[in-house]
Amino acid sequence: THGNLRSQITALVKAWEWKAADYTIHCLPLHHVHGIVNVLLCPLWVGA
């Protein structure tokens, strides 16, 4: 659900201290939570 995704994203944003000033490299497949949540949605969540 969107609630599941929000919980996954916000946990990493808090633990890894994502900020709007962050700039990340994405070279992973986008059919897996690693590429979708960790490396794409986390930066987009905070405006990075």
All heavy atoms as atom14 arrays in JSON, in Angstrom:
{
  "sequence": "THGNLRSQITALVKAWEWKAADYTIHCLPLHHVHGIVNVLLCPLWVGA",
  "atom14_mask": [
    [1, 1, 1, 1, 1, 1, 1, 0, 0, 0, 0, 0, 0, 0],
    [1, 1, 1, 1, 1, 1, 1, 1, 1, 1, 0, 0, 0, 0],
    [1, 1, 1, 1, 0, 0, 0, 0, 0, 0, 0, 0, 0, 0],
    [1, 1, 1, 1, 1, 1, 1, 1, 0, 0, 0, 0, 0, 0],
    [1, 1, 1, 1, 1, 1, 1, 1, 0, 0, 0, 0, 0, 0],
    [1, 1, 1, 1, 1, 1, 1, 1, 1, 1, 1, 0, 0, 0],
    [1, 1, 1, 1, 1, 1, 0, 0, 0, 0, 0, 0, 0, 0],
    [1, 1, 1, 1, 1, 1, 1, 1, 1, 0, 0, 0, 0, 0],
    [1, 1, 1, 1, 1, 1, 1, 1, 0, 0, 0, 0, 0, 0],
    [1, 1, 1, 1, 1, 1, 1, 0, 0, 0, 0, 0, 0, 0],
    [1, 1, 1, 1, 1, 0, 0, 0, 0, 0, 0, 0, 0, 0],
    [1, 1, 1, 1, 1, 1, 1, 1, 0, 0, 0, 0, 0, 0],
    [1, 1, 1, 1, 1, 1, 1, 0, 0, 0, 0, 0, 0, 0],
    [1, 1, 1, 1, 1, 1, 1, 1, 1, 0, 0, 0, 0, 0],
    [1, 1, 1, 1, 1, 0, 0, 0, 0, 0, 0, 0, 0, 0],
    [1, 1, 1, 1, 1, 1, 1, 1, 1, 1, 1, 1, 1, 1],
    [1, 1, 1, 1, 1, 1, 1, 1, 1, 0, 0, 0, 0, 0],
    [1, 1, 1, 1, 1, 1, 1, 1, 1, 1, 1, 1, 1, 1],
    [1, 1, 1, 1, 1, 1, 1, 1, 1, 0, 0, 0, 0, 0],
    [1, 1, 1, 1, 1, 0, 0, 0, 0, 0, 0, 0, 0, 0],
    [1, 1, 1, 1, 1, 0, 0, 0, 0, 0, 0, 0, 0, 0],
    [1, 1, 1, 1, 1, 1, 1, 1, 0, 0, 0, 0, 0, 0],
    [1, 1, 1, 1, 1, 1, 1, 1, 1, 1, 1, 1, 0, 0],
    [1, 1, 1, 1, 1, 1, 1, 0, 0, 0, 0, 0, 0, 0],
    [1, 1, 1, 1, 1, 1, 1, 1, 0, 0, 0, 0, 0, 0],
    [1, 1, 1, 1, 1, 1, 1, 1, 1, 1, 0, 0, 0, 0],
    [1, 1, 1, 1, 1, 1, 0, 0, 0, 0, 0, 0, 0, 0],
    [1, 1, 1, 1, 1, 1, 1, 1, 0, 0, 0, 0, 0, 0],
    [1, 1, 1, 1, 1, 1, 1, 0, 0, 0, 0, 0, 0, 0],
    [1, 1, 1, 1, 1, 1, 1, 1, 0, 0, 0, 0, 0, 0],
    [1, 1, 1, 1, 1, 1, 1, 1, 1, 1, 0, 0, 0, 0],
    [1, 1, 1, 1, 1, 1, 1, 1, 1, 1, 0, 0, 0, 0],
    [1, 1, 1, 1, 1, 1, 1, 0, 0, 0, 0, 0, 0, 0],
    [1, 1, 1, 1, 1, 1, 1, 1, 1, 1, 0, 0, 0, 0],
    [1, 1, 1, 1, 0, 0, 0, 0, 0, 0, 0, 0, 0, 0],
    [1, 1, 1, 1, 1, 1, 1, 1, 0, 0, 0, 0, 0, 0],
    [1, 1, 1, 1, 1, 1, 1, 0, 0, 0, 0, 0, 0, 0],
    [1, 1, 1, 1, 1, 1, 1, 1, 0, 0, 0, 0, 0, 0],
    [1, 1, 1, 1, 1, 1, 1, 0, 0, 0, 0, 0, 0, 0],
    [1, 1, 1, 1, 1, 1, 1, 1, 0, 0, 0, 0, 0, 0],
    [1, 1, 1, 1, 1, 1, 1, 1, 0, 0, 0, 0, 0, 0],
    [1, 1, 1, 1, 1, 1, 0, 0, 0, 0, 0, 0, 0, 0],
    [1, 1, 1, 1, 1, 1, 1, 0, 0, 0, 0, 0, 0, 0],
    [1, 1, 1, 1, 1, 1, 1, 1, 0, 0, 0, 0, 0, 0],
    [1, 1, 1, 1, 1, 1, 1, 1, 1, 1, 1, 1, 1, 1],
    [1, 1, 1, 1, 1, 1, 1, 0, 0, 0, 0, 0, 0, 0],
    [1, 1, 1, 1, 0, 0, 0, 0, 0, 0, 0, 0, 0, 0],
    [1, 1, 1, 1, 1, 0, 0, 0, 0, 0, 0, 0, 0, 0]
  ],
  "atom14_positions": [
    [[0.84, -1.19, 0.0], [0.0, 0.0, 0.0], [0.88, 1.24, 0.0], [2.09, 1.17, 0.22], [-0.91, 0.03, 1.23], [-0.08, 0.15, 2.41], [-1.76, -1.23, 1.33], [0.0, 0.0, 0.0], [0.0, 0.0, 0.0], [0.0, 0.0, 0.0], [0.0, 0.0, 0.0], [0.0, 0.0, 0.0], [0.0, 0.0, 0.0], [0.0, 0.0, 0.0]],
    [[0.27, 2.4, -0.21], [1.01, 3.65, -0.1], [1.53, 3.82, 1.33], [2.59, 4.41, 1.54], [0.14, 4.83, -0.5], [-0.02, 4.97, -1.98], [0.98, 5.43, -2.8], [-1.08, 4.69, -2.81], [0.56, 5.45, -4.06], [-0.68, 4.99, -4.09], [0.0, 0.0, 0.0], [0.0, 0.0, 0.0], [0.0, 0.0, 0.0], [0.0, 0.0, 0.0]],
    [[0.78, 3.31, 2.3], [1.25, 3.37, 3.68], [2.49, 2.53, 3.91], [3.41, 2.93, 4.63], [0.0, 0.0, 0.0], [0.0, 0.0, 0.0], [0.0, 0.0, 0.0], [0.0, 0.0, 0.0], [0.0, 0.0, 0.0], [0.0, 0.0, 0.0], [0.0, 0.0, 0.0], [0.0, 0.0, 0.0], [0.0, 0.0, 0.0], [0.0, 0.0, 0.0]],
    [[2.54, 1.33, 3.3], [3.73, 0.49, 3.38], [4.93, 1.22, 2.8], [6.02, 1.25, 3.39], [3.54, -0.82, 2.62], [2.46, -1.72, 3.18], [1.76, -2.39, 2.43], [2.28, -1.73, 4.49], [0.0, 0.0, 0.0], [0.0, 0.0, 0.0], [0.0, 0.0, 0.0], [0.0, 0.0, 0.0], [0.0, 0.0, 0.0], [0.0, 0.0, 0.0]],
    [[4.75, 1.82, 1.62], [5.85, 2.54, 0.97], [6.3, 3.74, 1.8], [7.5, 4.0, 1.94], [5.44, 3.0, -0.43], [5.18, 1.9, -1.47], [4.79, 2.52, -2.8], [6.4, 1.01, -1.64], [0.0, 0.0, 0.0], [0.0, 0.0, 0.0], [0.0, 0.0, 0.0], [0.0, 0.0, 0.0], [0.0, 0.0, 0.0], [0.0, 0.0, 0.0]],
    [[5.33, 4.47, 2.34], [5.69, 5.62, 3.17], [6.53, 5.18, 4.37], [7.54, 5.82, 4.71], [4.43, 6.34, 3.66], [4.72, 7.53, 4.57], [3.43, 8.21, 5.0], [2.53, 7.32, 5.69], [2.65, 6.96, 6.97], [3.66, 7.42, 7.69], [1.78, 6.14, 7.53], [0.0, 0.0, 0.0], [0.0, 0.0, 0.0], [0.0, 0.0, 0.0]],
    [[6.16, 4.08, 5.0], [6.92, 3.58, 6.15], [8.32, 3.15, 5.75], [9.29, 3.42, 6.47], [6.17, 2.41, 6.8], [4.92, 2.82, 7.3], [0.0, 0.0, 0.0], [0.0, 0.0, 0.0], [0.0, 0.0, 0.0], [0.0, 0.0, 0.0], [0.0, 0.0, 0.0], [0.0, 0.0, 0.0], [0.0, 0.0, 0.0], [0.0, 0.0, 0.0]],
    [[8.44, 2.48, 4.59], [9.75, 2.05, 4.12], [10.64, 3.25, 3.84], [11.82, 3.28, 4.2], [9.6, 1.19, 2.87], [8.91, -0.14, 3.09], [8.64, -0.9, 1.81], [9.23, -0.61, 0.77], [7.74, -1.87, 1.85], [0.0, 0.0, 0.0], [0.0, 0.0, 0.0], [0.0, 0.0, 0.0], [0.0, 0.0, 0.0], [0.0, 0.0, 0.0]],
    [[10.08, 4.25, 3.16], [10.86, 5.43, 2.79], [11.28, 6.23, 4.01], [12.45, 6.58, 4.17], [10.05, 6.31, 1.81], [9.79, 5.58, 0.5], [10.78, 7.63, 1.55], [8.72, 6.23, -0.36], [0.0, 0.0, 0.0], [0.0, 0.0, 0.0], [0.0, 0.0, 0.0], [0.0, 0.0, 0.0], [0.0, 0.0, 0.0], [0.0, 0.0, 0.0]],
    [[10.32, 6.54, 4.88], [10.63, 7.42, 6.02], [11.6, 6.77, 7.0], [12.37, 7.47, 7.66], [9.34, 7.84, 6.74], [8.59, 6.68, 7.12], [8.47, 8.71, 5.84], [0.0, 0.0, 0.0], [0.0, 0.0, 0.0], [0.0, 0.0, 0.0], [0.0, 0.0, 0.0], [0.0, 0.0, 0.0], [0.0, 0.0, 0.0], [0.0, 0.0, 0.0]],
    [[11.58, 5.43, 7.1], [12.55, 4.76, 7.96], [13.96, 5.0, 7.46], [14.88, 5.28, 8.25], [12.25, 3.26, 8.02], [0.0, 0.0, 0.0], [0.0, 0.0, 0.0], [0.0, 0.0, 0.0], [0.0, 0.0, 0.0], [0.0, 0.0, 0.0], [0.0, 0.0, 0.0], [0.0, 0.0, 0.0], [0.0, 0.0, 0.0], [0.0, 0.0, 0.0]],
    [[14.17, 4.91, 6.14], [15.5, 5.13, 5.56], [15.88, 6.6, 5.57], [17.05, 6.95, 5.78], [15.55, 4.58, 4.14], [15.39, 3.07, 4.0], [15.45, 2.65, 2.53], [16.45, 2.33, 4.8], [0.0, 0.0, 0.0], [0.0, 0.0, 0.0], [0.0, 0.0, 0.0], [0.0, 0.0, 0.0], [0.0, 0.0, 0.0], [0.0, 0.0, 0.0]],
    [[14.91, 7.48, 5.35], [15.18, 8.92, 5.41], [15.7, 9.3, 6.79], [16.65, 10.08, 6.93], [13.91, 9.72, 5.05], [14.07, 11.2, 5.42], [13.61, 9.58, 3.56], [0.0, 0.0, 0.0], [0.0, 0.0, 0.0], [0.0, 0.0, 0.0], [0.0, 0.0, 0.0], [0.0, 0.0, 0.0], [0.0, 0.0, 0.0], [0.0, 0.0, 0.0]],
    [[15.1, 8.72, 7.82], [15.53, 9.01, 9.19], [16.87, 8.36, 9.5], [17.78, 9.02, 10.01], [14.47, 8.53, 10.18], [14.84, 8.79, 11.64], [13.75, 8.28, 12.58], [14.14, 8.52, 14.05], [13.09, 8.0, 14.98], [0.0, 0.0, 0.0], [0.0, 0.0, 0.0], [0.0, 0.0, 0.0], [0.0, 0.0, 0.0], [0.0, 0.0, 0.0]],
    [[17.01, 7.08, 9.17], [18.22, 6.34, 9.54], [19.45, 6.82, 8.78], [20.55, 6.88, 9.34], [18.01, 4.84, 9.3], [0.0, 0.0, 0.0], [0.0, 0.0, 0.0], [0.0, 0.0, 0.0], [0.0, 0.0, 0.0], [0.0, 0.0, 0.0], [0.0, 0.0, 0.0], [0.0, 0.0, 0.0], [0.0, 0.0, 0.0], [0.0, 0.0, 0.0]],
    [[19.28, 7.16, 7.51], [20.42, 7.55, 6.67], [20.48, 9.05, 6.43], [21.28, 9.53, 5.64], [20.37, 6.79, 5.34], [20.51, 5.3, 5.52], [20.94, 4.63, 6.64], [20.23, 4.28, 4.56], [20.93, 3.28, 6.43], [20.5, 3.02, 5.16], [19.76, 4.3, 3.25], [20.32, 1.81, 4.49], [19.59, 3.09, 2.57], [19.87, 1.87, 3.2]],
    [[19.56, 9.77, 7.09], [19.57, 11.24, 7.11], [19.57, 11.86, 5.72], [20.38, 12.72, 5.38], [20.76, 11.76, 7.93], [20.71, 11.33, 9.39], [21.87, 11.85, 10.21], [22.62, 12.71, 9.72], [22.03, 11.38, 11.36], [0.0, 0.0, 0.0], [0.0, 0.0, 0.0], [0.0, 0.0, 0.0], [0.0, 0.0, 0.0], [0.0, 0.0, 0.0]],
    [[18.61, 11.41, 4.9], [18.43, 12.01, 3.59], [18.06, 13.47, 3.72], [17.26, 13.85, 4.58], [17.32, 11.29, 2.83], [17.7, 9.99, 2.19], [17.57, 8.75, 2.72], [18.25, 9.81, 0.88], [18.0, 7.8, 1.83], [18.43, 8.42, 0.69], [18.61, 10.69, -0.14], [18.95, 7.89, -0.49], [19.12, 10.16, -1.31], [19.28, 8.77, -1.48]],
    [[18.62, 14.33, 2.85], [18.34, 15.76, 2.84], [18.1, 16.22, 1.4], [18.52, 15.56, 0.44], [19.52, 16.56, 3.42], [19.86, 16.23, 4.88], [18.79, 16.73, 5.82], [19.25, 16.59, 7.28], [19.48, 15.2, 7.7], [0.0, 0.0, 0.0], [0.0, 0.0, 0.0], [0.0, 0.0, 0.0], [0.0, 0.0, 0.0], [0.0, 0.0, 0.0]],
    [[17.47, 17.39, 1.25], [17.19, 17.93, -0.08], [18.46, 18.2, -0.86], [18.47, 18.17, -2.09], [16.36, 19.21, 0.05], [0.0, 0.0, 0.0], [0.0, 0.0, 0.0], [0.0, 0.0, 0.0], [0.0, 0.0, 0.0], [0.0, 0.0, 0.0], [0.0, 0.0, 0.0], [0.0, 0.0, 0.0], [0.0, 0.0, 0.0], [0.0, 0.0, 0.0]],
    [[19.56, 18.44, -0.16], [20.83, 18.73, -0.84], [21.52, 17.48, -1.37], [22.53, 17.58, -2.08], [21.76, 19.45, 0.13], [0.0, 0.0, 0.0], [0.0, 0.0, 0.0], [0.0, 0.0, 0.0], [0.0, 0.0, 0.0], [0.0, 0.0, 0.0], [0.0, 0.0, 0.0], [0.0, 0.0, 0.0], [0.0, 0.0, 0.0], [0.0, 0.0, 0.0]],
    [[21.0, 16.29, -1.07], [21.65, 15.05, -1.5], [21.53, 14.85, -3.02], [20.59, 15.3, -3.67], [21.04, 13.84, -0.79], [21.6, 13.65, 0.61], [22.81, 13.87, 0.78], [20.84, 13.29, 1.51], [0.0, 0.0, 0.0], [0.0, 0.0, 0.0], [0.0, 0.0, 0.0], [0.0, 0.0, 0.0], [0.0, 0.0, 0.0], [0.0, 0.0, 0.0]],
    [[22.55, 14.15, -3.54], [22.63, 13.83, -4.97], [23.12, 12.39, -5.04], [24.21, 12.07, -4.55], [23.61, 14.77, -5.65], [23.66, 14.69, -7.16], [23.09, 15.7, -7.95], [24.29, 13.65, -7.83], [23.15, 15.66, -9.35], [24.35, 13.59, -9.22], [23.79, 14.6, -9.97], [23.84, 14.55, -11.34], [0.0, 0.0, 0.0], [0.0, 0.0, 0.0]],
    [[22.3, 11.5, -5.61], [22.67, 10.09, -5.63], [22.73, 9.55, -7.05], [22.1, 10.08, -7.96], [21.67, 9.25, -4.8], [22.17, 7.92, -4.66], [20.3, 9.21, -5.46], [0.0, 0.0, 0.0], [0.0, 0.0, 0.0], [0.0, 0.0, 0.0], [0.0, 0.0, 0.0], [0.0, 0.0, 0.0], [0.0, 0.0, 0.0], [0.0, 0.0, 0.0]],
    [[23.53, 8.5, -7.22], [23.67, 7.82, -8.52], [22.76, 6.6, -8.53], [22.75, 5.82, -7.57], [25.12, 7.37, -8.75], [26.09, 8.54, -8.57], [25.28, 6.75, -10.12], [27.55, 8.12, -8.53], [0.0, 0.0, 0.0], [0.0, 0.0, 0.0], [0.0, 0.0, 0.0], [0.0, 0.0, 0.0], [0.0, 0.0, 0.0], [0.0, 0.0, 0.0]],
    [[22.01, 6.42, -9.62], [21.11, 5.27, -9.74], [21.53, 4.42, -10.93], [21.41, 4.85, -12.08], [19.67, 5.75, -9.93], [18.64, 4.69, -9.66], [18.72, 3.42, -10.17], [17.5, 4.72, -8.92], [17.69, 2.72, -9.76], [16.92, 3.47, -9.0], [0.0, 0.0, 0.0], [0.0, 0.0, 0.0], [0.0, 0.0, 0.0], [0.0, 0.0, 0.0]],
    [[22.03, 3.21, -10.66], [22.41, 2.3, -11.74], [21.86, 0.9, -11.5], [22.42, -0.09, -11.97], [23.94, 2.26, -11.89], [24.84, 1.74, -10.42], [0.0, 0.0, 0.0], [0.0, 0.0, 0.0], [0.0, 0.0, 0.0], [0.0, 0.0, 0.0], [0.0, 0.0, 0.0], [0.0, 0.0, 0.0], [0.0, 0.0, 0.0], [0.0, 0.0, 0.0]],
    [[20.74, 0.81, -10.76], [20.14, -0.47, -10.41], [18.87, -0.71, -11.21], [18.24, 0.23, -11.7], [19.8, -0.5, -8.92], [20.98, -0.47, -7.95], [20.49, -0.32, -6.52], [21.82, -1.74, -8.09], [0.0, 0.0, 0.0], [0.0, 0.0, 0.0], [0.0, 0.0, 0.0], [0.0, 0.0, 0.0], [0.0, 0.0, 0.0], [0.0, 0.0, 0.0]],
    [[18.45, -1.97, -11.33], [17.17, -2.27, -11.99], [16.02, -1.64, -11.21], [16.08, -1.5, -9.98], [17.1, -3.8, -11.94], [18.51, -4.25, -11.79], [19.18, -3.2, -10.96], [0.0, 0.0, 0.0], [0.0, 0.0, 0.0], [0.0, 0.0, 0.0], [0.0, 0.0, 0.0], [0.0, 0.0, 0.0], [0.0, 0.0, 0.0], [0.0, 0.0, 0.0]],
    [[14.95, -1.3, -11.93], [13.81, -0.61, -11.32], [12.58, -1.51, -11.2], [11.44, -1.04, -11.31], [13.49, 0.65, -12.12], [14.39, 1.85, -11.78], [14.32, 2.91, -12.86], [14.0, 2.42, -10.42], [0.0, 0.0, 0.0], [0.0, 0.0, 0.0], [0.0, 0.0, 0.0], [0.0, 0.0, 0.0], [0.0, 0.0, 0.0], [0.0, 0.0, 0.0]],
    [[12.81, -2.79, -10.95], [11.7, -3.71, -10.68], [11.87, -4.35, -9.31], [11.25, -5.36, -9.01], [11.65, -4.81, -11.76], [12.82, -5.75, -11.69], [14.09, -5.37, -12.04], [12.92, -7.05, -11.29], [14.92, -6.39, -11.87], [14.22, -7.42, -11.41], [0.0, 0.0, 0.0], [0.0, 0.0, 0.0], [0.0, 0.0, 0.0], [0.0, 0.0, 0.0]],
    [[12.67, -3.75, -8.47], [13.06, -4.32, -7.19], [13.08, -3.2, -6.16], [13.4, -2.05, -6.48], [14.46, -4.95, -7.33], [14.89, -5.76, -6.15], [15.5, -5.18, -5.06], [14.85, -7.08, -5.9], [15.79, -6.14, -4.18], [15.4, -7.28, -4.67], [0.0, 0.0, 0.0], [0.0, 0.0, 0.0], [0.0, 0.0, 0.0], [0.0, 0.0, 0.0]],
    [[12.77, -3.51, -4.9], [12.67, -2.46, -3.87], [13.98, -1.71, -3.67], [13.97, -0.53, -3.3], [12.18, -3.02, -2.52], [10.74, -3.47, -2.62], [13.07, -4.16, -2.03], [0.0, 0.0, 0.0], [0.0, 0.0, 0.0], [0.0, 0.0, 0.0], [0.0, 0.0, 0.0], [0.0, 0.0, 0.0], [0.0, 0.0, 0.0], [0.0, 0.0, 0.0]],
    [[15.12, -2.35, -3.91], [16.4, -1.66, -3.77], [16.44, -0.46, -4.72], [16.73, 0.67, -4.3], [17.55, -2.63, -4.08], [18.9, -2.12, -3.69], [20.02, -2.93, -3.66], [19.34, -0.89, -3.34], [21.07, -2.21, -3.29], [20.69, -0.97, -3.1], [0.0, 0.0, 0.0], [0.0, 0.0, 0.0], [0.0, 0.0, 0.0], [0.0, 0.0, 0.0]],
    [[16.15, -0.7, -5.99], [16.19, 0.38, -6.97], [15.01, 1.34, -6.84], [15.16, 2.55, -7.04], [0.0, 0.0, 0.0], [0.0, 0.0, 0.0], [0.0, 0.0, 0.0], [0.0, 0.0, 0.0], [0.0, 0.0, 0.0], [0.0, 0.0, 0.0], [0.0, 0.0, 0.0], [0.0, 0.0, 0.0], [0.0, 0.0, 0.0], [0.0, 0.0, 0.0]],
    [[13.82, 0.81, -6.51], [12.62, 1.65, -6.47], [12.59, 2.52, -5.21], [12.42, 3.74, -5.27], [11.34, 0.79, -6.53], [11.29, -0.02, -7.83], [10.1, 1.67, -6.42], [10.19, -1.07, -7.85], [0.0, 0.0, 0.0], [0.0, 0.0, 0.0], [0.0, 0.0, 0.0], [0.0, 0.0, 0.0], [0.0, 0.0, 0.0], [0.0, 0.0, 0.0]],
    [[12.71, 1.88, -4.05], [12.54, 2.6, -2.78], [13.83, 3.26, -2.32], [13.89, 4.48, -2.11], [12.0, 1.65, -1.68], [11.92, 2.38, -0.34], [10.62, 1.12, -2.07], [0.0, 0.0, 0.0], [0.0, 0.0, 0.0], [0.0, 0.0, 0.0], [0.0, 0.0, 0.0], [0.0, 0.0, 0.0], [0.0, 0.0, 0.0], [0.0, 0.0, 0.0]],
    [[14.89, 2.47, -2.16], [16.12, 2.99, -1.55], [16.78, 4.09, -2.36], [17.27, 5.07, -1.8], [17.13, 1.86, -1.35], [16.62, 0.76, -0.44], [15.42, 0.6, -0.27], [17.52, 0.0, 0.14], [0.0, 0.0, 0.0], [0.0, 0.0, 0.0], [0.0, 0.0, 0.0], [0.0, 0.0, 0.0], [0.0, 0.0, 0.0], [0.0, 0.0, 0.0]],
    [[16.83, 3.9, -3.69], [17.65, 4.79, -4.51], [16.82, 5.78, -5.33], [17.36, 6.77, -5.8], [18.58, 3.98, -5.44], [19.69, 4.85, -5.99], [19.19, 2.78, -4.73], [0.0, 0.0, 0.0], [0.0, 0.0, 0.0], [0.0, 0.0, 0.0], [0.0, 0.0, 0.0], [0.0, 0.0, 0.0], [0.0, 0.0, 0.0], [0.0, 0.0, 0.0]],
    [[15.52, 5.55, -5.5], [14.7, 6.48, -6.27], [13.71, 7.25, -5.39], [13.72, 8.48, -5.37], [13.93, 5.72, -7.37], [13.04, 6.58, -8.27], [13.89, 7.59, -9.04], [12.24, 5.72, -9.23], [0.0, 0.0, 0.0], [0.0, 0.0, 0.0], [0.0, 0.0, 0.0], [0.0, 0.0, 0.0], [0.0, 0.0, 0.0], [0.0, 0.0, 0.0]],
    [[12.85, 6.54, -4.66], [11.81, 7.23, -3.9], [12.35, 8.0, -2.69], [11.8, 9.03, -2.33], [10.73, 6.24, -3.47], [9.9, 5.64, -4.61], [8.86, 4.68, -4.06], [9.24, 6.73, -5.44], [0.0, 0.0, 0.0], [0.0, 0.0, 0.0], [0.0, 0.0, 0.0], [0.0, 0.0, 0.0], [0.0, 0.0, 0.0], [0.0, 0.0, 0.0]],
    [[13.43, 7.5, -2.08], [13.99, 8.23, -0.94], [14.46, 9.64, -1.32], [14.08, 10.62, -0.67], [15.13, 7.44, -0.29], [14.55, 6.16, 0.85], [0.0, 0.0, 0.0], [0.0, 0.0, 0.0], [0.0, 0.0, 0.0], [0.0, 0.0, 0.0], [0.0, 0.0, 0.0], [0.0, 0.0, 0.0], [0.0, 0.0, 0.0], [0.0, 0.0, 0.0]],
    [[15.27, 9.8, -2.38], [15.66, 11.16, -2.75], [14.48, 12.02, -3.2], [14.4, 13.21, -2.87], [16.68, 10.96, -3.88], [16.48, 9.58, -4.37], [16.01, 8.8, -3.18], [0.0, 0.0, 0.0], [0.0, 0.0, 0.0], [0.0, 0.0, 0.0], [0.0, 0.0, 0.0], [0.0, 0.0, 0.0], [0.0, 0.0, 0.0], [0.0, 0.0, 0.0]],
    [[13.52, 11.42, -3.93], [12.38, 12.2, -4.39], [11.47, 12.6, -3.23], [10.77, 13.61, -3.3], [11.58, 11.39, -5.42], [12.32, 11.04, -6.72], [11.4, 10.3, -7.69], [12.9, 12.28, -7.39], [0.0, 0.0, 0.0], [0.0, 0.0, 0.0], [0.0, 0.0, 0.0], [0.0, 0.0, 0.0], [0.0, 0.0, 0.0], [0.0, 0.0, 0.0]],
    [[11.49, 11.84, -2.16], [10.68, 12.16, -0.97], [11.14, 13.46, -0.31], [10.33, 14.22, 0.22], [10.77, 11.0, 0.01], [9.85, 11.08, 1.18], [10.11, 11.6, 2.42], [8.5, 10.59, 1.24], [9.02, 11.48, 3.24], [8.01, 10.86, 2.54], [7.67, 9.95, 0.32], [6.71, 10.52, 2.95], [6.38, 9.61, 0.74], [5.91, 9.89, 2.03]],
    [[12.44, 13.72, -0.33], [12.99, 14.88, 0.39], [13.36, 16.03, -0.53], [13.87, 17.05, -0.07], [14.22, 14.47, 1.22], [13.85, 13.42, 2.26], [15.36, 13.96, 0.33], [0.0, 0.0, 0.0], [0.0, 0.0, 0.0], [0.0, 0.0, 0.0], [0.0, 0.0, 0.0], [0.0, 0.0, 0.0], [0.0, 0.0, 0.0], [0.0, 0.0, 0.0]],
    [[13.13, 15.89, -1.83], [13.47, 16.95, -2.76], [14.9, 16.93, -3.24], [15.42, 17.94, -3.71], [0.0, 0.0, 0.0], [0.0, 0.0, 0.0], [0.0, 0.0, 0.0], [0.0, 0.0, 0.0], [0.0, 0.0, 0.0], [0.0, 0.0, 0.0], [0.0, 0.0, 0.0], [0.0, 0.0, 0.0], [0.0, 0.0, 0.0], [0.0, 0.0, 0.0]],
    [[15.56, 15.77, -3.14], [16.94, 15.61, -3.59], [16.98, 15.27, -5.08], [15.95, 15.23, -5.76], [17.65, 14.55, -2.76], [0.0, 0.0, 0.0], [0.0, 0.0, 0.0], [0.0, 0.0, 0.0], [0.0, 0.0, 0.0], [0.0, 0.0, 0.0], [0.0, 0.0, 0.0], [0.0, 0.0, 0.0], [0.0, 0.0, 0.0], [0.0, 0.0, 0.0]]
  ]
}
